[in-house]
Amino acid sequence: MRKIAESLIATGTLLALVFVLILVANALAAKSSSEGRTGVKVVSIERGLSAVEKDCIDCHQEESPLIVLDWRDSLHGRANVTCLDCHQAERSDADAFQCSGLKGGRTRIAAIVTPKDCSRCHPVEAAQFNASDHAGAVDSVAKLEDMAVRWEGKGTTAALAAGCIQCHGYDIELKDGKPTGATYPQEGIGRINPDGSKGNCAACHTRHKFNIAEARRAETCGSCHMGPDHPQYEIWLASKHGKRYLAEGDSWNWESSPDAWEPGDYSAPTCAVCHMSGIGALETTHNISERLAWEAERPLSVRTDHWQEKQEQMHTVCLNCHGPNWVDGWQAQYDQVIATYNEKYYQPAKAMMDELYEKKLITGDDKWDEDIEMDFYELWHHEGRRARMGAAMMGQDYVQWHGFYEVATKYRHVAEEYERLLRKNE
């Protein structure tokens, strides 16, 4: 019996050793395989990919593994939308180049994926975006450039490159087909792309997941729509809508298909619900300007084109949660705020400034060298916007203390300096 036991022990030890050797061999084989390794995760993606695309994945698993993992888990990855579907370029394209893995072959790629590229699969969304104020966001940079370079940057592009254009967008400079220069990287939503298109879909749907839930979260909009001059995110967060989101938002359904995302998936609106969603009788849109009856961000608020139709669309959104009397009352309050700002503050302040320029009592070549110019600018660009936007989004403190109180204070400064300059030059 003792010999049998010893024999069984020896046999068991040998089998265990063989099993361990098999595990080690498999681990070594996996490590040396072309599947790659990211942390403890092995990424193996086939899905009918071409040899070139498999090479892309193998290389990027080593160089930038997170983008491969993001793509693998995205709707694009599940639908077999591949690297070349988005990044392949023609030899004649200004931004076409070959990375080290493509040298010697015919394939060329572009680093920047543009709305024109996305339109091959998303033509309706691209057309809607092109008609929106987002696509035209770069136009504001021309107005900001003097301030950002001369006043803020003291002759440098520091504030412009790291600030303004990261929301508004700018031209892309290329060298050997690759984006470069002081204004790259940039993620501005109105970016002017090498193919001539404007925009950057990844400003809201960040690469390489392009997650619809991310685009629906107000925090995404808040990365640009915040601060002293356009605090839409802060206003919304302080409103009853924002308070409901803070209390319940983690339990909301953010993943419904576009036209199926309705009340019940959420109990209060985010930016995307009001401005983009297919709520009720409306259809989903990527034109965020489609439901705006006022241009409330301008120095003088003006009606948008076809404003009655746009206002009706926004009321359709509101009526999913509020009664007609409530909606009409809110609209009347908002319109009164606009009228008060326009007629009692901006228009008379603008008349004073025009008179001072006409009489050459202040210089017109540099908008940032006189205290009265700074006060007038902030009256409309900061405090005036806060009052108007606060009324639009039910942020009462932004209407009053952060808005009209400071508008009235800046207006008094302008009026007092206007009178002083007139007396001085009598």
Protein backbone atom coordinates (compact mmCIF):
# COMPACT_ATOMS: atom_id res chain seq x y z
CA MET A 1 0.00 0.00 0.00
CA ARG A 2 2.83 2.36 0.84
CA LYS A 3 4.39 1.86 -2.62
CA ILE A 4 1.06 2.48 -4.32
CA ALA A 5 0.58 5.68 -2.35
CA GLU A 6 4.08 6.87 -3.20
CA SER A 7 3.43 6.04 -6.87
CA LEU A 8 0.17 8.03 -6.88
CA ILE A 9 1.88 11.01 -5.23
CA ALA A 10 4.64 10.95 -7.81
CA THR A 11 2.14 10.68 -10.65
CA GLY A 12 0.06 13.57 -9.24
CA THR A 13 3.14 15.73 -8.86
CA LEU A 14 4.13 15.04 -12.44
CA LEU A 15 0.66 15.89 -13.74
CA ALA A 16 0.61 19.12 -11.75
CA LEU A 17 4.00 20.05 -13.16
CA VAL A 18 2.79 19.34 -16.70
CA PHE A 19 -0.31 21.48 -16.10
CA VAL A 20 1.79 24.39 -14.82
CA LEU A 21 4.10 24.12 -17.83
CA ILE A 22 1.09 24.23 -20.17
CA LEU A 23 -0.22 27.39 -18.46
CA VAL A 24 3.19 29.05 -18.70
CA ALA A 25 3.51 28.14 -22.39
CA ASN A 26 0.04 29.51 -23.14
CA ALA A 27 0.83 32.74 -21.30
CA LEU A 28 4.07 33.19 -23.20
CA ALA A 29 2.32 32.49 -26.48
CA ALA A 30 -0.37 35.05 -25.70
CA LYS A 31 2.23 37.63 -24.75
CA SER A 32 4.13 37.19 -28.00
CA SER A 33 1.03 37.04 -30.20
CA SER A 34 -0.14 39.92 -32.36
CA GLU A 35 -3.24 40.39 -30.22
CA GLY A 36 -1.44 42.79 -27.89
CA ARG A 37 -1.89 43.44 -24.20
CA THR A 38 -3.19 46.48 -22.35
CA GLY A 39 -2.77 46.14 -18.61
CA VAL A 40 -4.33 42.76 -17.88
CA LYS A 41 -6.73 42.96 -20.82
CA VAL A 42 -5.98 41.16 -24.07
CA VAL A 43 -7.64 42.87 -27.04
CA SER A 44 -8.37 40.63 -29.99
CA ILE A 45 -10.49 42.14 -32.77
CA GLU A 46 -11.03 40.46 -36.12
CA ARG A 47 -14.50 41.29 -37.53
CA GLY A 48 -13.45 40.98 -41.15
CA LEU A 49 -10.82 43.72 -40.92
CA SER A 50 -8.33 44.24 -43.71
CA ALA A 51 -4.66 43.53 -43.11
CA VAL A 52 -3.94 47.26 -42.97
CA GLU A 53 -6.63 47.84 -40.35
CA LYS A 54 -5.36 44.95 -38.24
CA ASP A 55 -1.94 46.59 -38.38
CA CYS A 56 -3.52 49.87 -37.20
CA ILE A 57 -5.00 48.10 -34.19
CA ASP A 58 -1.82 46.20 -33.37
CA CYS A 59 0.26 49.39 -33.47
CA HIS A 60 -2.18 51.57 -31.54
CA GLN A 61 -2.59 48.94 -28.85
CA GLU A 62 1.04 49.59 -28.06
CA GLU A 63 1.21 53.33 -28.75
CA SER A 64 -2.22 54.59 -27.61
CA PRO A 65 -4.20 51.63 -26.23
CA LEU A 66 -7.18 53.54 -24.85
CA ILE A 67 -8.41 54.62 -28.28
CA VAL A 68 -8.52 50.96 -29.35
CA LEU A 69 -10.45 49.98 -26.24
CA ASP A 70 -12.83 52.92 -26.72
CA TRP A 71 -13.45 51.99 -30.35
CA ARG A 72 -13.93 48.31 -29.50
CA ASP A 73 -16.69 49.18 -27.02
CA SER A 74 -18.37 51.82 -29.22
CA LEU A 75 -21.33 51.50 -31.56
CA HIS A 76 -18.86 52.09 -34.39
CA GLY A 77 -16.81 49.10 -33.29
CA ARG A 78 -19.87 46.88 -32.95
CA ALA A 79 -21.08 47.92 -36.40
CA ASN A 80 -17.63 47.21 -37.90
CA VAL A 81 -16.98 50.85 -38.75
CA THR A 82 -13.23 50.63 -39.02
CA CYS A 83 -10.21 52.93 -38.80
CA LEU A 84 -10.03 53.48 -42.56
CA ASP A 85 -13.77 54.16 -42.84
CA CYS A 86 -13.09 57.42 -41.00
CA HIS A 87 -9.38 58.15 -41.47
CA GLN A 88 -8.57 57.03 -45.02
CA ALA A 89 -7.53 59.90 -47.30
CA GLU A 90 -6.89 60.41 -50.98
CA ARG A 91 -3.36 61.10 -52.16
CA SER A 92 -4.50 64.56 -53.33
CA ASP A 93 -5.95 65.57 -49.93
CA ALA A 94 -4.06 68.39 -48.22
CA ASP A 95 -3.96 66.48 -44.95
CA ALA A 96 -3.04 63.07 -46.39
CA PHE A 97 0.08 61.41 -45.00
CA GLN A 98 1.55 58.00 -44.25
CA CYS A 99 2.49 56.91 -40.79
CA SER A 100 5.48 54.63 -40.32
CA GLY A 101 3.31 51.54 -40.62
CA LEU A 102 1.97 52.60 -44.03
CA LYS A 103 5.26 53.60 -45.67
CA GLY A 104 5.76 51.86 -49.00
CA GLY A 105 2.06 51.15 -49.47
CA ARG A 106 -0.74 52.98 -51.26
CA THR A 107 -2.90 53.79 -48.23
CA ARG A 108 -2.94 57.31 -46.86
CA ILE A 109 -4.68 58.61 -43.80
CA ALA A 110 -5.80 61.93 -42.28
CA ALA A 111 -5.45 62.61 -38.57
CA ILE A 112 -8.50 64.89 -38.40
CA VAL A 113 -11.94 63.41 -39.05
CA THR A 114 -14.29 66.15 -40.22
CA PRO A 115 -18.07 66.60 -40.50
CA LYS A 116 -17.62 66.01 -44.23
CA ASP A 117 -16.18 62.59 -43.42
CA CYS A 118 -18.95 61.85 -40.92
CA SER A 119 -21.59 62.91 -43.49
CA ARG A 120 -20.91 59.79 -45.53
CA CYS A 121 -22.91 57.86 -42.92
CA HIS A 122 -24.68 60.74 -41.14
CA PRO A 123 -25.78 63.09 -43.95
CA VAL A 124 -28.86 64.50 -42.18
CA GLU A 125 -27.00 65.23 -38.96
CA ALA A 126 -24.13 66.88 -40.87
CA ALA A 127 -26.52 69.10 -42.85
CA GLN A 128 -28.33 70.15 -39.67
CA PHE A 129 -25.05 70.93 -37.94
CA ASN A 130 -23.86 73.01 -40.91
CA ALA A 131 -26.96 75.20 -40.55
CA SER A 132 -26.36 75.81 -36.84
CA ASP A 133 -24.56 78.49 -34.86
CA HIS A 134 -22.12 75.81 -33.77
CA ALA A 135 -20.74 75.53 -37.29
CA GLY A 136 -20.32 79.30 -37.37
CA ALA A 137 -18.65 79.50 -33.96
CA VAL A 138 -15.29 80.23 -35.59
CA ASP A 139 -16.67 83.55 -36.86
CA SER A 140 -16.54 84.90 -33.32
CA VAL A 141 -12.77 84.41 -33.18
CA ALA A 142 -12.28 87.32 -35.57
CA LYS A 143 -14.05 89.52 -33.01
CA LEU A 144 -12.11 88.01 -30.12
CA GLU A 145 -8.70 87.98 -31.76
CA ASP A 146 -7.89 91.62 -31.09
CA MET A 147 -8.82 91.26 -27.43
CA ALA A 148 -7.14 87.88 -26.96
CA VAL A 149 -3.86 88.84 -28.66
CA ARG A 150 -3.50 92.56 -27.93
CA TRP A 151 -5.20 92.94 -24.55
CA GLU A 152 -4.95 89.51 -22.90
CA GLY A 153 -1.96 87.96 -24.65
CA LYS A 154 0.14 91.15 -24.72
CA GLY A 155 1.08 90.41 -28.32
CA THR A 156 1.22 86.60 -28.01
CA THR A 157 -1.33 83.96 -29.07
CA ALA A 158 -1.30 82.28 -25.64
CA ALA A 159 -4.87 83.22 -24.66
CA LEU A 160 -6.18 82.72 -28.20
CA ALA A 161 -4.63 79.29 -28.79
CA ALA A 162 -5.25 77.71 -25.39
CA GLY A 163 -8.52 79.55 -24.77
CA CYS A 164 -10.79 81.01 -27.46
CA ILE A 165 -10.22 78.51 -30.24
CA GLN A 166 -10.63 75.46 -28.01
CA CYS A 167 -14.35 76.25 -28.02
CA HIS A 168 -14.83 78.35 -31.14
CA GLY A 169 -12.37 76.65 -33.50
CA TYR A 170 -9.80 78.03 -35.92
CA ASP A 171 -7.89 77.23 -39.10
CA ILE A 172 -5.78 74.07 -39.11
CA GLU A 173 -2.14 74.54 -40.11
CA LEU A 174 -0.51 71.57 -41.85
CA LYS A 175 3.07 70.40 -42.30
CA ASP A 176 3.68 67.33 -44.49
CA GLY A 177 -0.03 66.58 -44.22
CA LYS A 178 -0.06 66.58 -40.42
CA PRO A 179 -1.72 69.23 -38.21
CA THR A 180 0.82 71.42 -36.45
CA GLY A 181 1.53 74.96 -35.25
CA ALA A 182 0.49 77.08 -32.30
CA THR A 183 -3.22 76.44 -32.86
CA TYR A 184 -2.97 72.64 -32.70
CA PRO A 185 -4.24 70.66 -30.91
CA GLN A 186 -7.65 72.30 -30.97
CA GLU A 187 -11.12 70.88 -30.43
CA GLY A 188 -13.26 73.91 -31.24
CA ILE A 189 -16.74 73.12 -32.51
CA GLY A 190 -16.45 75.60 -35.39
CA ARG A 191 -13.00 74.44 -36.52
CA ILE A 192 -12.08 75.10 -40.16
CA ASN A 193 -10.88 71.76 -41.50
CA PRO A 194 -8.37 71.03 -44.28
CA ASP A 195 -11.18 69.70 -46.51
CA GLY A 196 -13.00 73.04 -46.27
CA SER A 197 -15.72 71.87 -43.91
CA LYS A 198 -16.48 73.61 -40.63
CA GLY A 199 -16.99 71.85 -37.35
CA ASN A 200 -15.84 69.09 -35.07
CA CYS A 201 -18.30 66.32 -34.17
CA ALA A 202 -15.89 65.08 -31.48
CA ALA A 203 -16.42 68.31 -29.51
CA CYS A 204 -19.60 66.68 -28.18
CA HIS A 205 -19.07 63.00 -29.08
CA THR A 206 -15.47 62.53 -27.96
CA ARG A 207 -13.35 60.02 -29.80
CA HIS A 208 -13.26 57.04 -30.04
CA LYS A 209 -16.47 56.08 -28.23
CA PHE A 210 -18.68 58.78 -29.76
CA ASN A 211 -21.11 58.10 -26.95
CA ILE A 212 -24.67 59.44 -27.30
CA ALA A 213 -25.05 59.50 -23.50
CA GLU A 214 -22.03 61.79 -23.20
CA ALA A 215 -23.48 64.24 -25.72
CA ARG A 216 -26.78 64.35 -23.81
CA ARG A 217 -25.17 65.28 -20.50
CA ALA A 218 -25.19 68.99 -19.66
CA GLU A 219 -21.58 68.74 -18.49
CA THR A 220 -20.56 68.27 -22.13
CA CYS A 221 -22.16 71.58 -23.10
CA GLY A 222 -20.76 73.14 -19.93
CA SER A 223 -17.18 72.68 -21.08
CA CYS A 224 -17.75 75.79 -23.25
CA HIS A 225 -21.07 77.28 -22.15
CA MET A 226 -19.87 78.48 -18.76
CA GLY A 227 -18.07 81.40 -17.17
CA PRO A 228 -18.88 85.10 -16.72
CA ASP A 229 -19.94 85.78 -20.30
CA HIS A 230 -22.17 82.81 -21.12
CA PRO A 231 -22.86 80.75 -17.98
CA GLN A 232 -25.63 78.59 -19.43
CA TYR A 233 -24.39 75.51 -17.60
CA GLU A 234 -24.25 77.25 -14.22
CA ILE A 235 -27.67 78.83 -14.80
CA TRP A 236 -29.21 75.48 -15.70
CA LEU A 237 -27.55 73.76 -12.73
CA ALA A 238 -29.03 76.36 -10.37
CA SER A 239 -32.53 76.00 -11.87
CA LYS A 240 -35.16 73.48 -10.85
CA HIS A 241 -34.20 71.45 -13.91
CA GLY A 242 -30.61 71.24 -12.69
CA LYS A 243 -31.65 70.41 -9.14
CA ARG A 244 -33.75 67.50 -10.39
CA TYR A 245 -30.80 66.29 -12.45
CA LEU A 246 -28.48 66.42 -9.42
CA ALA A 247 -30.97 64.40 -7.38
CA GLU A 248 -31.95 61.80 -9.98
CA GLY A 249 -29.73 62.03 -13.05
CA ASP A 250 -27.67 58.92 -12.33
CA SER A 251 -30.82 56.80 -12.63
CA TRP A 252 -32.01 58.31 -15.94
CA ASN A 253 -31.88 56.40 -19.20
CA TRP A 254 -29.28 58.15 -21.36
CA GLU A 255 -29.02 55.45 -24.03
CA SER A 256 -32.42 55.53 -25.82
CA SER A 257 -32.41 55.92 -29.60
CA PRO A 258 -32.60 59.58 -30.70
CA ASP A 259 -36.31 59.97 -31.48
CA ALA A 260 -37.24 57.58 -28.67
CA TRP A 261 -35.57 59.63 -25.90
CA GLU A 262 -38.65 60.96 -24.13
CA PRO A 263 -39.90 62.05 -20.68
CA GLY A 264 -39.73 58.95 -18.53
CA ASP A 265 -36.16 58.39 -19.60
CA TYR A 266 -35.55 61.63 -17.67
CA SER A 267 -37.67 63.77 -15.35
CA ALA A 268 -36.19 67.17 -16.24
CA PRO A 269 -34.50 68.51 -19.37
CA THR A 270 -30.81 68.87 -20.08
CA CYS A 271 -29.51 71.19 -22.82
CA ALA A 272 -29.92 68.40 -25.37
CA VAL A 273 -33.57 67.80 -24.43
CA CYS A 274 -34.62 71.39 -25.13
CA HIS A 275 -32.38 72.19 -28.07
CA MET A 276 -31.91 68.87 -29.89
CA SER A 277 -34.16 66.00 -28.80
CA GLY A 278 -37.03 64.41 -30.67
CA ILE A 279 -39.35 65.05 -27.75
CA GLY A 280 -43.09 64.73 -28.36
CA ALA A 281 -44.00 65.74 -31.91
CA LEU A 282 -40.53 67.13 -32.67
CA GLU A 283 -37.74 65.37 -34.50
CA THR A 284 -34.17 65.11 -33.28
CA THR A 285 -31.93 67.82 -34.69
CA HIS A 286 -28.23 68.73 -34.67
CA ASN A 287 -29.12 72.35 -35.40
CA ILE A 288 -29.02 73.78 -31.88
CA SER A 289 -30.31 77.12 -33.23
CA GLU A 290 -33.53 75.63 -34.59
CA ARG A 291 -35.65 76.44 -31.52
CA LEU A 292 -34.24 79.87 -30.60
CA ALA A 293 -36.55 82.86 -31.10
CA TRP A 294 -34.03 85.38 -29.74
CA GLU A 295 -30.35 86.02 -30.44
CA ALA A 296 -29.78 86.70 -26.75
CA GLU A 297 -26.00 86.58 -26.88
CA ARG A 298 -25.62 89.62 -29.14
CA PRO A 299 -24.97 93.15 -27.91
CA LEU A 300 -28.54 94.06 -28.91
CA SER A 301 -30.96 91.14 -28.71
CA VAL A 302 -32.78 90.60 -32.00
CA ARG A 303 -35.32 88.14 -33.27
CA THR A 304 -34.04 85.18 -35.26
CA ASP A 305 -35.27 84.42 -38.75
CA HIS A 306 -38.68 82.67 -38.65
CA TRP A 307 -38.76 83.26 -34.91
CA GLN A 308 -42.45 82.46 -34.46
CA GLU A 309 -41.91 78.95 -35.80
CA LYS A 310 -38.83 78.48 -33.62
CA GLN A 311 -40.65 79.73 -30.54
CA GLU A 312 -43.49 77.31 -31.20
CA GLN A 313 -40.99 74.45 -31.34
CA MET A 314 -39.50 75.43 -28.00
CA HIS A 315 -43.00 75.70 -26.50
CA THR A 316 -43.66 72.18 -27.77
CA VAL A 317 -40.71 71.05 -25.65
CA CYS A 318 -41.96 72.91 -22.56
CA LEU A 319 -45.53 71.61 -22.89
CA ASN A 320 -44.33 68.05 -22.28
CA CYS A 321 -43.96 69.02 -18.61
CA HIS A 322 -45.76 72.37 -18.13
CA GLY A 323 -49.26 73.71 -18.81
CA PRO A 324 -50.00 76.39 -21.43
CA ASN A 325 -50.49 79.17 -18.83
CA TRP A 326 -47.10 78.42 -17.31
CA VAL A 327 -45.36 78.40 -20.71
CA ASP A 328 -47.02 81.64 -21.84
CA GLY A 329 -46.14 83.31 -18.52
CA TRP A 330 -42.51 82.24 -18.74
CA GLN A 331 -42.28 83.54 -22.32
CA ALA A 332 -43.75 86.90 -21.28
CA GLN A 333 -41.21 87.23 -18.46
CA TYR A 334 -38.34 86.39 -20.79
CA ASP A 335 -39.51 88.86 -23.44
CA GLN A 336 -39.81 91.60 -20.81
CA VAL A 337 -36.23 90.97 -19.66
CA ILE A 338 -35.05 91.27 -23.28
CA ALA A 339 -36.98 94.50 -23.81
CA THR A 340 -35.71 96.03 -20.56
CA TYR A 341 -32.11 95.21 -21.36
CA ASN A 342 -32.39 96.46 -24.96
CA GLU A 343 -34.31 99.68 -24.31
CA LYS A 344 -33.21 100.78 -20.84
CA TYR A 345 -29.56 99.80 -20.94
CA TYR A 346 -27.92 98.75 -24.19
CA GLN A 347 -29.45 101.24 -26.63
CA PRO A 348 -28.88 104.37 -24.49
CA ALA A 349 -25.35 103.19 -23.54
CA LYS A 350 -24.54 102.54 -27.20
CA ALA A 351 -25.79 106.05 -28.11
CA MET A 352 -23.43 107.57 -25.53
CA MET A 353 -20.48 105.58 -26.87
CA ASP A 354 -21.26 106.52 -30.48
CA GLU A 355 -21.35 110.19 -29.55
CA LEU A 356 -18.01 109.99 -27.76
CA TYR A 357 -16.41 108.26 -30.76
CA GLU A 358 -17.91 110.80 -33.15
CA LYS A 359 -16.57 113.71 -31.11
CA LYS A 360 -13.20 111.91 -30.78
CA LEU A 361 -13.38 112.11 -27.01
CA ILE A 362 -12.29 108.47 -26.86
CA THR A 363 -10.12 106.60 -29.35
CA GLY A 364 -11.68 104.14 -31.76
CA ASP A 365 -8.60 102.22 -32.87
CA ASP A 366 -8.12 100.32 -29.60
CA LYS A 367 -11.25 99.06 -27.88
CA TRP A 368 -9.37 98.14 -24.71
CA ASP A 369 -7.54 101.34 -23.76
CA GLU A 370 -10.36 103.27 -22.05
CA ASP A 371 -12.21 102.35 -18.84
CA ILE A 372 -15.52 103.36 -20.38
CA GLU A 373 -14.94 100.95 -23.27
CA MET A 374 -14.29 98.10 -20.86
CA ASP A 375 -17.41 98.95 -18.85
CA PHE A 376 -19.54 99.10 -21.98
CA TYR A 377 -18.15 95.80 -23.24
CA GLU A 378 -18.86 94.00 -19.99
CA LEU A 379 -22.32 95.60 -19.75
CA TRP A 380 -23.49 93.59 -22.76
CA HIS A 381 -20.97 90.76 -23.03
CA HIS A 382 -20.98 89.71 -19.37
CA GLU A 383 -23.74 91.13 -17.16
CA GLY A 384 -26.25 91.70 -19.98
CA ARG A 385 -25.92 88.16 -21.21
CA ARG A 386 -26.30 86.76 -17.73
CA ALA A 387 -29.58 88.62 -17.19
CA ARG A 388 -30.99 87.50 -20.54
CA MET A 389 -29.82 83.90 -20.35
CA GLY A 390 -30.89 83.65 -16.73
CA ALA A 391 -34.45 84.53 -17.74
CA ALA A 392 -34.38 82.02 -20.59
CA MET A 393 -33.34 79.17 -18.31
CA MET A 394 -35.08 80.04 -15.02
CA GLY A 395 -31.97 81.10 -13.14
CA GLN A 396 -33.41 83.88 -11.02
CA ASP A 397 -30.16 84.88 -9.30
CA TYR A 398 -28.49 85.28 -12.70
CA VAL A 399 -31.33 87.58 -13.78
CA GLN A 400 -31.03 89.79 -10.73
CA TRP A 401 -27.77 89.86 -8.73
CA HIS A 402 -25.44 88.46 -11.39
CA GLY A 403 -27.45 90.22 -14.10
CA PHE A 404 -29.48 93.40 -13.84
CA TYR A 405 -27.85 94.63 -10.62
CA GLU A 406 -24.45 94.56 -12.30
CA VAL A 407 -25.88 95.84 -15.62
CA ALA A 408 -27.26 98.86 -13.75
CA THR A 409 -23.92 99.40 -12.02
CA LYS A 410 -21.96 99.26 -15.29
CA TYR A 411 -24.50 101.52 -16.96
CA ARG A 412 -24.04 104.12 -14.21
CA HIS A 413 -20.25 103.99 -14.74
CA VAL A 414 -20.71 104.53 -18.48
CA ALA A 415 -23.16 107.41 -17.96
CA GLU A 416 -20.96 109.15 -15.37
CA GLU A 417 -17.84 108.89 -17.55
CA TYR A 418 -19.82 110.08 -20.57
CA GLU A 419 -20.92 113.21 -18.67
CA ARG A 420 -17.39 113.81 -17.38
CA LEU A 421 -15.85 113.63 -20.84
CA LEU A 422 -18.46 115.99 -22.28
CA ARG A 423 -17.87 118.54 -19.50
CA LYS A 424 -14.10 118.26 -19.86
CA ASN A 425 -14.26 119.14 -23.54
CA GLU A 426 -16.88 121.88 -23.51
